[in-house]
C-alpha atoms as a PDB file:
ATOM      1  CA  MET A   1     213.236-156.621  34.533  1.00  0.00           C
ATOM      2  CA  GLU A   2     215.160-153.834  32.722  1.00  0.00           C
ATOM      3  CA  LYS A   3     218.699-153.519  33.777  1.00  0.00           C
ATOM      4  CA  PHE A   4     222.099-152.205  32.707  1.00  0.00           C
ATOM      5  CA  THR A   5     225.628-152.004  33.991  1.00  0.00           C
ATOM      6  CA  VAL A   6     227.854-148.978  34.148  1.00  0.00           C
ATOM      7  CA  THR A   7     231.558-148.598  35.149  1.00  0.00           C
ATOM      8  CA  LEU A   8     233.333-146.247  37.432  1.00  0.00           C
ATOM      9  CA  LYS A   9     237.183-146.280  38.182  1.00  0.00           C
ATOM     10  CA  THR A  10     238.739-145.068  41.269  1.00  0.00           C
ATOM     11  CA  VAL A  11     240.958-142.106  40.861  1.00  0.00           C
ATOM     12  CA  THR A  12     242.261-141.336  44.515  1.00  0.00           C
ATOM     13  CA  PRO A  13     242.453-143.781  47.461  1.00  0.00           C
ATOM     14  CA  LEU A  14     238.849-144.826  48.612  1.00  0.00           C
ATOM     15  CA  PHE A  15     238.493-145.391  52.378  1.00  0.00           C
ATOM     16  CA  LEU A  16     235.068-147.206  53.029  1.00  0.00           C
ATOM     17  CA  GLY A  17     234.452-150.103  55.244  1.00  0.00           C
ATOM     18  CA  GLY A  18     232.823-151.395  58.537  1.00  0.00           C
ATOM     19  CA  ALA A  19     232.842-149.872  61.950  1.00  0.00           C
ATOM     20  CA  LYS A  20     236.110-150.891  62.854  1.00  0.00           C
ATOM     21  CA  PRO A  21     239.287-149.020  61.224  1.00  0.00           C
ATOM     22  CA  ASP A  22     241.137-152.253  60.793  1.00  0.00           C
ATOM     23  CA  GLU A  23     238.539-153.791  58.760  1.00  0.00           C
ATOM     24  CA  GLU A  24     238.756-154.378  54.947  1.00  0.00           C
ATOM     25  CA  ALA A  25     237.737-151.530  52.719  1.00  0.00           C
ATOM     26  CA  GLU A  26     234.533-152.443  51.165  1.00  0.00           C
ATOM     27  CA  LEU A  27     232.226-150.643  48.684  1.00  0.00           C
ATOM     28  CA  ARG A  28     228.369-151.511  49.219  1.00  0.00           C
ATOM     29  CA  ALA A  29     225.519-150.740  47.118  1.00  0.00           C
ATOM     30  CA  SER A  30     223.916-148.606  50.063  1.00  0.00           C
ATOM     31  CA  SER A  31     226.870-146.335  49.620  1.00  0.00           C
ATOM     32  CA  ILE A  32     226.453-145.760  46.038  1.00  0.00           C
ATOM     33  CA  LYS A  33     222.682-145.277  46.594  1.00  0.00           C
ATOM     34  CA  GLY A  34     223.589-142.711  49.223  1.00  0.00           C
ATOM     35  CA  ALA A  35     225.857-140.782  47.030  1.00  0.00           C
ATOM     36  CA  MET A  36     223.138-140.732  44.333  1.00  0.00           C
ATOM     37  CA  ARG A  37     220.619-139.407  46.837  1.00  0.00           C
ATOM     38  CA  PHE A  38     222.877-136.591  47.615  1.00  0.00           C
ATOM     39  CA  TRP A  39     223.277-135.441  43.954  1.00  0.00           C
ATOM     40  CA  TYR A  40     219.435-135.916  43.442  1.00  0.00           C
ATOM     41  CA  ARG A  41     218.671-133.431  46.279  1.00  0.00           C
ATOM     42  CA  ALA A  42     221.337-131.032  44.572  1.00  0.00           C
ATOM     43  CA  ILE A  43     219.991-131.317  41.055  1.00  0.00           C
ATOM     44  CA  ASP A  44     216.226-131.598  41.165  1.00  0.00           C
ATOM     45  CA  ALA A  45     214.166-128.921  42.945  1.00  0.00           C
ATOM     46  CA  ASP A  46     211.118-131.010  42.735  1.00  0.00           C
ATOM     47  CA  TYR A  47     212.763-133.997  44.885  1.00  0.00           C
ATOM     48  CA  ASN A  48     210.247-133.133  47.456  1.00  0.00           C
ATOM     49  CA  GLU A  49     207.284-132.416  45.380  1.00  0.00           C
ATOM     50  CA  ARG A  50     204.410-135.127  45.114  1.00  0.00           C
ATOM     51  CA  VAL A  51     204.515-137.264  41.966  1.00  0.00           C
ATOM     52  CA  GLU A  52     200.730-136.842  41.731  1.00  0.00           C
ATOM     53  CA  SER A  53     200.196-133.099  42.543  1.00  0.00           C
ATOM     54  CA  GLY A  54     197.557-132.419  45.057  1.00  0.00           C
ATOM     55  CA  LYS A  55     197.323-136.113  46.341  1.00  0.00           C
ATOM     56  CA  PRO A  56     198.467-136.189  49.949  1.00  0.00           C
ATOM     57  CA  ASP A  57     199.265-140.039  49.946  1.00  0.00           C
ATOM     58  CA  SER A  58     201.422-139.799  46.445  1.00  0.00           C
ATOM     59  CA  PRO A  59     205.038-140.354  46.971  1.00  0.00           C
ATOM     60  CA  THR A  60     207.432-137.617  46.573  1.00  0.00           C
ATOM     61  CA  TRP A  61     209.850-138.013  43.547  1.00  0.00           C
ATOM     62  CA  GLU A  62     212.501-138.798  45.822  1.00  0.00           C
ATOM     63  CA  GLU A  63     210.656-141.431  47.380  1.00  0.00           C
ATOM     64  CA  LYS A  64     209.426-142.718  44.088  1.00  0.00           C
ATOM     65  CA  ILE A  65     213.052-143.029  42.873  1.00  0.00           C
ATOM     66  CA  PHE A  66     214.905-144.213  46.099  1.00  0.00           C
ATOM     67  CA  GLY A  67     212.008-145.573  48.062  1.00  0.00           C
ATOM     68  CA  SER A  68     211.237-144.977  51.836  1.00  0.00           C
ATOM     69  CA  ALA A  69     210.025-146.673  54.919  1.00  0.00           C
ATOM     70  CA  GLY A  70     206.451-145.312  54.202  1.00  0.00           C
ATOM     71  CA  THR A  71     206.356-146.064  50.424  1.00  0.00           C
ATOM     72  CA  GLY A  72     208.423-149.073  50.148  1.00  0.00           C
ATOM     73  CA  GLN A  73     211.170-149.695  47.527  1.00  0.00           C
ATOM     74  CA  GLY A  74     212.156-147.330  45.005  1.00  0.00           C
ATOM     75  CA  CYS A  75     212.430-147.727  41.113  1.00  0.00           C
ATOM     76  CA  PHE A  76     215.735-149.464  41.140  1.00  0.00           C
ATOM     77  CA  SER A  77     218.189-151.677  42.912  1.00  0.00           C
ATOM     78  CA  ILE A  78     221.929-151.897  42.807  1.00  0.00           C
ATOM     79  CA  ARG A  79     224.315-154.811  42.659  1.00  0.00           C
ATOM     80  CA  LEU A  80     228.056-154.655  42.590  1.00  0.00           C
ATOM     81  CA  LYS A  81     230.057-157.178  40.667  1.00  0.00           C
ATOM     82  CA  ASP A  82     231.478-159.544  43.359  1.00  0.00           C
ATOM     83  CA  ASP A  83     235.079-159.414  42.035  1.00  0.00           C
ATOM     84  CA  SER A  84     235.121-155.788  42.182  1.00  0.00           C
ATOM     85  CA  MET A  85     237.841-154.015  44.302  1.00  0.00           C
ATOM     86  CA  LYS A  86     239.151-157.120  46.050  1.00  0.00           C
ATOM     87  CA  ASP A  87     242.719-155.608  46.207  1.00  0.00           C
ATOM     88  CA  ASN A  88     242.880-153.863  49.626  1.00  0.00           C
ATOM     89  CA  LYS A  89     246.102-151.761  50.745  1.00  0.00           C
ATOM     90  CA  GLU A  90     246.928-150.391  54.144  1.00  0.00           C
ATOM     91  CA  TRP A  91     247.326-146.660  54.495  1.00  0.00           C
ATOM     92  CA  ASN A  92     250.851-145.730  55.660  1.00  0.00           C
ATOM     93  CA  HIS A  93     252.086-141.991  56.148  1.00  0.00           C
ATOM     94  CA  ASP A  94     255.579-143.223  55.725  1.00  0.00           C
ATOM     95  CA  ASP A  95     254.993-143.664  51.976  1.00  0.00           C
ATOM     96  CA  TYR A  96     254.627-139.817  51.671  1.00  0.00           C
ATOM     97  CA  PRO A  97     257.233-136.911  52.366  1.00  0.00           C
ATOM     98  CA  ASN A  98     256.430-134.912  55.491  1.00  0.00           C
ATOM     99  CA  LYS A  99     255.662-131.744  53.684  1.00  0.00           C
ATOM    100  CA  ASN A 100     253.432-133.742  51.141  1.00  0.00           C
ATOM    101  CA  GLY A 101     249.747-132.441  50.925  1.00  0.00           C
ATOM    102  CA  VAL A 102     248.449-135.908  50.789  1.00  0.00           C
ATOM    103  CA  ARG A 103     249.902-136.709  54.202  1.00  0.00           C
ATOM    104  CA  TYR A 104     248.280-133.549  55.622  1.00  0.00           C
ATOM    105  CA  LEU A 105     244.875-134.456  54.295  1.00  0.00           C
ATOM    106  CA  SER A 106     244.931-138.047  55.318  1.00  0.00           C
ATOM    107  CA  PHE A 107     246.139-137.376  58.891  1.00  0.00           C
ATOM    108  CA  SER A 108     243.303-139.096  60.635  1.00  0.00           C
ATOM    109  CA  MET A 109     243.672-142.426  58.723  1.00  0.00           C
ATOM    110  CA  CYS A 110     246.643-143.268  61.077  1.00  0.00           C
ATOM    111  CA  MET A 111     245.414-141.833  64.506  1.00  0.00           C
ATOM    112  CA  GLY A 112     245.540-144.126  67.595  1.00  0.00           C
ATOM    113  CA  GLY A 113     247.974-146.554  65.710  1.00  0.00           C
ATOM    114  CA  ASN A 114     245.215-147.517  63.409  1.00  0.00           C
ATOM    115  CA  ARG A 115     246.108-147.785  59.508  1.00  0.00           C
ATOM    116  CA  ARG A 116     242.855-147.425  57.565  1.00  0.00           C
ATOM    117  CA  LYS A 117     242.654-149.998  54.480  1.00  0.00           C
ATOM    118  CA  TYR A 118     241.610-148.639  51.163  1.00  0.00           C
ATOM    119  CA  ILE A 119     240.748-149.486  47.821  1.00  0.00           C
ATOM    120  CA  PRO A 120     243.689-148.085  45.525  1.00  0.00           C
ATOM    121  CA  PRO A 121     243.344-145.797  42.434  1.00  0.00           C
ATOM    122  CA  ASN A 122     242.640-147.605  39.119  1.00  0.00           C
ATOM    123  CA  ALA A 123     240.141-149.942  40.498  1.00  0.00           C
ATOM    124  CA  ASP A 124     237.096-150.773  38.348  1.00  0.00           C
ATOM    125  CA  ILE A 125     233.614-150.525  39.879  1.00  0.00           C
ATOM    126  CA  HIS A 126     230.744-152.292  38.094  1.00  0.00           C
ATOM    127  CA  ILE A 127     227.529-151.006  39.177  1.00  0.00           C
ATOM    128  CA  THR A 128     224.237-152.951  37.732  1.00  0.00           C
ATOM    129  CA  LEU A 129     220.922-151.053  38.108  1.00  0.00           C
ATOM    130  CA  ALA A 130     217.923-153.267  37.971  1.00  0.00           C
ATOM    131  CA  PHE A 131     214.634-151.609  37.652  1.00  0.00           C
ATOM    132  CA  HIS A 132     211.299-152.974  39.414  1.00  0.00           C
ATOM    133  CA  HIS A 133     209.190-151.332  36.546  1.00  0.00           C
ATOM    134  CA  LYS A 134     209.473-149.835  33.239  1.00  0.00           C
ATOM    135  CA  PRO A 135     211.009-146.484  34.207  1.00  0.00           C
ATOM    136  CA  LYS A 136     209.524-143.240  33.334  1.00  0.00           C
ATOM    137  CA  ASP A 137     211.381-140.597  31.347  1.00  0.00           C
ATOM    138  CA  LYS A 138     211.620-138.568  34.842  1.00  0.00           C
ATOM    139  CA  GLU A 139     213.183-141.651  36.370  1.00  0.00           C
ATOM    140  CA  LYS A 140     215.493-142.157  33.556  1.00  0.00           C
ATOM    141  CA  VAL A 141     217.054-138.701  33.492  1.00  0.00           C
ATOM    142  CA  SER A 142     217.339-138.759  37.103  1.00  0.00           C
ATOM    143  CA  ILE A 143     219.322-141.804  37.350  1.00  0.00           C
ATOM    144  CA  LEU A 144     221.570-140.962  34.468  1.00  0.00           C
ATOM    145  CA  ALA A 145     222.293-137.526  35.860  1.00  0.00           C
ATOM    146  CA  LEU A 146     223.106-138.854  39.323  1.00  0.00           C
ATOM    147  CA  LEU A 147     225.609-141.327  37.902  1.00  0.00           C
ATOM    148  CA  TRP A 148     227.013-138.708  35.597  1.00  0.00           C
ATOM    149  CA  LEU A 149     227.519-136.242  38.348  1.00  0.00           C
ATOM    150  CA  LEU A 150     229.046-138.792  40.862  1.00  0.00           C
ATOM    151  CA  GLY A 151     231.410-139.934  38.266  1.00  0.00           C
ATOM    152  CA  HIS A 152     232.711-136.561  37.102  1.00  0.00           C
ATOM    153  CA  ILE A 153     232.787-134.246  40.315  1.00  0.00           C
ATOM    154  CA  GLY A 154     231.604-136.650  43.197  1.00  0.00           C
ATOM    155  CA  GLY A 155     233.376-138.766  45.808  1.00  0.00           C
ATOM    156  CA  LEU A 156     232.566-142.006  47.956  1.00  0.00           C
ATOM    157  CA  GLY A 157     233.686-142.866  51.473  1.00  0.00           C
ATOM    158  CA  SER A 158     235.640-141.011  54.115  1.00  0.00           C
ATOM    159  CA  ARG A 159     237.663-137.943  53.443  1.00  0.00           C
ATOM    160  CA  SER A 160     235.705-137.592  50.124  1.00  0.00           C
ATOM    161  CA  ARG A 161     235.608-133.597  50.763  1.00  0.00           C
ATOM    162  CA  ARG A 162     239.514-133.835  50.913  1.00  0.00           C
ATOM    163  CA  GLY A 163     239.777-135.519  47.565  1.00  0.00           C
ATOM    164  CA  PHE A 164     239.854-138.971  48.472  1.00  0.00           C
ATOM    165  CA  GLY A 165     237.334-141.503  46.971  1.00  0.00           C
ATOM    166  CA  THR A 166     237.159-139.648  43.812  1.00  0.00           C
ATOM    167  CA  VAL A 167     235.639-141.866  41.096  1.00  0.00           C
ATOM    168  CA  ALA A 168     235.545-141.400  37.245  1.00  0.00           C
ATOM    169  CA  LEU A 169     232.700-142.645  34.935  1.00  0.00           C
ATOM    170  CA  GLN A 170     233.975-144.687  32.399  1.00  0.00           C
ATOM    171  CA  SER A 171     231.259-146.272  30.368  1.00  0.00           C
ATOM    172  CA  TRP A 172     227.400-146.407  30.208  1.00  0.00           C
ATOM    173  CA  GLY A 173     227.981-149.922  29.367  1.00  0.00           C
ATOM    174  CA  ASN A 174     224.914-151.735  27.964  1.00  0.00           C
ATOM    175  CA  CYS A 175     222.545-148.994  28.583  1.00  0.00           C
ATOM    176  CA  GLN A 176     220.079-148.701  25.757  1.00  0.00           C
ATOM    177  CA  TRP A 177     218.547-145.435  26.563  1.00  0.00           C
ATOM    178  CA  ASP A 178     218.679-142.735  24.050  1.00  0.00           C
ATOM    179  CA  GLU A 179     219.518-140.056  26.937  1.00  0.00           C
ATOM    180  CA  CYS A 180     222.869-141.660  27.512  1.00  0.00           C
ATOM    181  CA  ASN A 181     223.943-140.239  24.143  1.00  0.00           C
ATOM    182  CA  MET A 182     223.192-136.795  25.452  1.00  0.00           C
ATOM    183  CA  LEU A 183     225.185-137.030  28.365  1.00  0.00           C
ATOM    184  CA  ARG A 184     228.865-137.540  27.156  1.00  0.00           C
ATOM    185  CA  ILE A 185     231.647-138.800  29.552  1.00  0.00           C
ATOM    186  CA  ALA A 186     234.516-136.294  29.690  1.00  0.00           C
ATOM    187  CA  HIS A 187     236.982-138.750  31.125  1.00  0.00           C
ATOM    188  CA  GLY A 188     239.470-139.901  28.602  1.00  0.00           C
ATOM    189  CA  VAL A 189     239.329-136.547  26.460  1.00  0.00           C
ATOM    190  CA  GLN A 190     242.742-135.403  25.145  1.00  0.00           C
ATOM    191  CA  SER A 191     243.325-132.108  26.905  1.00  0.00           C
ATOM    192  CA  GLY A 192     241.916-130.284  30.072  1.00  0.00           C
ATOM    193  CA  ASP A 193     239.959-127.681  27.854  1.00  0.00           C
ATOM    194  CA  ASN A 194     238.332-130.471  25.984  1.00  0.00           C
ATOM    195  CA  TRP A 195     237.306-132.284  29.526  1.00  0.00           C
ATOM    196  CA  TRP A 196     235.789-128.856  30.637  1.00  0.00           C
ATOM    197  CA  LYS A 197     233.897-128.484  27.385  1.00  0.00           C
ATOM    198  CA  THR A 198     232.387-131.832  27.391  1.00  0.00           C
ATOM    199  CA  PHE A 199     231.734-131.582  31.205  1.00  0.00           C
ATOM    200  CA  ASN A 200     230.183-128.085  30.562  1.00  0.00           C
ATOM    201  CA  ASP A 201     228.054-129.677  27.814  1.00  0.00           C
ATOM    202  CA  GLY A 202     226.817-132.263  30.137  1.00  0.00           C
ATOM    203  CA  LEU A 203     225.729-129.400  32.747  1.00  0.00           C
ATOM    204  CA  ASN A 204     223.604-127.634  29.944  1.00  0.00           C
ATOM    205  CA  VAL A 205     221.834-131.054  29.257  1.00  0.00           C
ATOM    206  CA  LEU A 206     221.021-131.314  33.046  1.00  0.00           C
ATOM    207  CA  LYS A 207     219.620-127.809  32.982  1.00  0.00           C
ATOM    208  CA  GLU A 208     217.302-128.980  30.407  1.00  0.00           C
ATOM    209  CA  TRP A 209     216.272-132.006  32.114  1.00  0.00           C
ATOM    210  CA  PHE A 210     215.924-130.107  35.513  1.00  0.00           C
ATOM    211  CA  PRO A 211     214.798-126.475  34.623  1.00  0.00           C
ATOM    212  CA  LYS A 212     214.233-125.451  38.076  1.00  0.00           C
ATOM    213  CA  SER A 213     217.726-126.191  39.179  1.00  0.00           C
ATOM    214  CA  ASN A 214     220.249-123.425  39.189  1.00  0.00           C
ATOM    215  CA  VAL A 215     223.593-125.304  39.177  1.00  0.00           C
ATOM    216  CA  THR A 216     226.493-123.082  37.913  1.00  0.00           C
ATOM    217  CA  ILE A 217     230.325-124.281  38.112  1.00  0.00           C
ATOM    218  CA  GLN A 218     232.862-121.752  37.793  1.00  0.00           C
ATOM    219  CA  GLN A 219     236.219-122.623  36.081  1.00  0.00           C
ATOM    220  CA  ASN A 220     239.090-121.328  37.721  1.00  0.00           C
END
């Protein structure tokens, strides 16, 4: 079975857990897959097209990669390293000044006297992807594109649209695919301008991989 491990790092507090607000914050493989599926639908205009055109019983590309109830498992599974992100903290508004923007953006985290637990910044997330068959080129570039997007402009968990749960891709780890060298990681470069250049270069690669997509991000 072909597999490799990539590393992400939390940049902002990550709120993610069970049904009860006071439960431990816990990142699950299903959450990672859900975020990847979101980015797949955003980047690949063919996500709902049949893998074998003209065959009604052929799975769509989304089903081929992620699986479905009708077609079975997808092309890969995810496992998180057991000791990742064990250090939970309890959110407390009192740690921030009254006029601090973070306090405003997180107002719901202490509603009703509950104090949500979170995974703090700088926690490493080690994600192992195991493939159930030898991945095809389409599957390779899709998986890499989704991890790259998640680790540059994506987020996980509650309030991710407010800036919480931001994660940064750190390393392609032991991935031996040549395509990894085409998608450079922007985090860790020396300046904001260099980050933007590296990121924009990556977007251009994605446009080559997914020519039907129309992804454009403006620099403010």
